[in-house]
C-alpha cells in the first residue's frame, strides 16, 4: 500500500490548519508550512492527531 503524504501551506491557523487536521486524522504524513510563529503549536497539535 502506498504511503499517504500531504503538503499544507498556511497550516498554523484557519483553513490551512483544519485541512492539515483532517489529513492527519485520515492517516496522512504531513509537511506543514506557515510564516507564523504559531506553526510550532500547530505542529504539536497535529502530531497528537497522528500526523
C-alpha atoms as a PDB file:
ATOM      1  CA  UNK A   1       0.000   0.000   0.000  1.00  0.00           C
ATOM      2  CA  UNK A   2       1.280   3.481  -0.861  1.00  0.00           C
ATOM      3  CA  UNK A   3       2.024   5.973   1.883  1.00  0.00           C
ATOM      4  CA  UNK A   4      -0.248   8.992   2.094  1.00  0.00           C
ATOM      5  CA  UNK A   5       1.528  12.346   2.203  1.00  0.00           C
ATOM      6  CA  UNK A   6       0.222  15.927   2.166  1.00  0.00           C
ATOM      7  CA  UNK A   7       1.879  19.332   1.955  1.00  0.00           C
ATOM      8  CA  UNK A   8      -0.253  22.046   3.562  1.00  0.00           C
ATOM      9  CA  UNK A   9       0.631  25.724   3.378  1.00  0.00           C
ATOM     10  CA  UNK A  10      -0.779  28.223   5.842  1.00  0.00           C
ATOM     11  CA  UNK A  11      -1.159  25.408   8.346  1.00  0.00           C
ATOM     12  CA  UNK A  12      -0.742  27.410  11.540  1.00  0.00           C
ATOM     13  CA  UNK A  13      -4.336  28.696  11.653  1.00  0.00           C
ATOM     14  CA  UNK A  14      -7.663  28.774   9.879  1.00  0.00           C
ATOM     15  CA  UNK A  15      -8.474  26.717   6.810  1.00  0.00           C
ATOM     16  CA  UNK A  16      -4.889  25.502   6.394  1.00  0.00           C
ATOM     17  CA  UNK A  17      -4.829  24.163   9.935  1.00  0.00           C
ATOM     18  CA  UNK A  18      -8.193  22.449   9.559  1.00  0.00           C
ATOM     19  CA  UNK A  19      -7.177  20.838   6.267  1.00  0.00           C
ATOM     20  CA  UNK A  20      -3.999  19.570   7.917  1.00  0.00           C
ATOM     21  CA  UNK A  21      -6.004  18.230  10.875  1.00  0.00           C
ATOM     22  CA  UNK A  22      -8.370  16.355   8.551  1.00  0.00           C
ATOM     23  CA  UNK A  23      -5.412  14.867   6.696  1.00  0.00           C
ATOM     24  CA  UNK A  24      -3.748  13.863   9.984  1.00  0.00           C
ATOM     25  CA  UNK A  25      -6.913  12.119  11.168  1.00  0.00           C
ATOM     26  CA  UNK A  26      -7.067  10.295   7.825  1.00  0.00           C
ATOM     27  CA  UNK A  27      -3.550   8.931   8.335  1.00  0.00           C
ATOM     28  CA  UNK A  28      -1.515  11.263   6.142  1.00  0.00           C
ATOM     29  CA  UNK A  29       2.082  12.175   6.893  1.00  0.00           C
ATOM     30  CA  UNK A  30       2.297  15.963   6.758  1.00  0.00           C
ATOM     31  CA  UNK A  31       4.683  18.675   5.719  1.00  0.00           C
ATOM     32  CA  UNK A  32       3.215  21.893   7.083  1.00  0.00           C
ATOM     33  CA  UNK A  33       4.392  25.385   6.202  1.00  0.00           C
ATOM     34  CA  UNK A  34       3.472  28.813   7.556  1.00  0.00           C
ATOM     35  CA  UNK A  35       5.098  32.162   8.215  1.00  0.00           C
ATOM     36  CA  UNK A  36       3.518  32.488  11.659  1.00  0.00           C
ATOM     37  CA  UNK A  37       5.333  31.640  14.908  1.00  0.00           C
ATOM     38  CA  UNK A  38       2.302  29.573  15.949  1.00  0.00           C
ATOM     39  CA  UNK A  39       3.336  26.866  13.468  1.00  0.00           C
ATOM     40  CA  UNK A  40       5.151  25.118  16.348  1.00  0.00           C
ATOM     41  CA  UNK A  41       1.920  24.879  18.337  1.00  0.00           C
ATOM     42  CA  UNK A  42       0.072  23.622  15.264  1.00  0.00           C
ATOM     43  CA  UNK A  43       2.783  21.013  14.649  1.00  0.00           C
ATOM     44  CA  UNK A  44       2.427  19.687  18.203  1.00  0.00           C
ATOM     45  CA  UNK A  45      -1.362  19.564  17.943  1.00  0.00           C
ATOM     46  CA  UNK A  46      -1.240  17.796  14.568  1.00  0.00           C
ATOM     47  CA  UNK A  47       1.310  15.278  15.850  1.00  0.00           C
ATOM     48  CA  UNK A  48      -1.115  14.406  18.640  1.00  0.00           C
ATOM     49  CA  UNK A  49      -3.709  13.625  15.953  1.00  0.00           C
ATOM     50  CA  UNK A  50      -1.349  11.110  14.390  1.00  0.00           C
ATOM     51  CA  UNK A  51       0.477  13.124  11.744  1.00  0.00           C
END
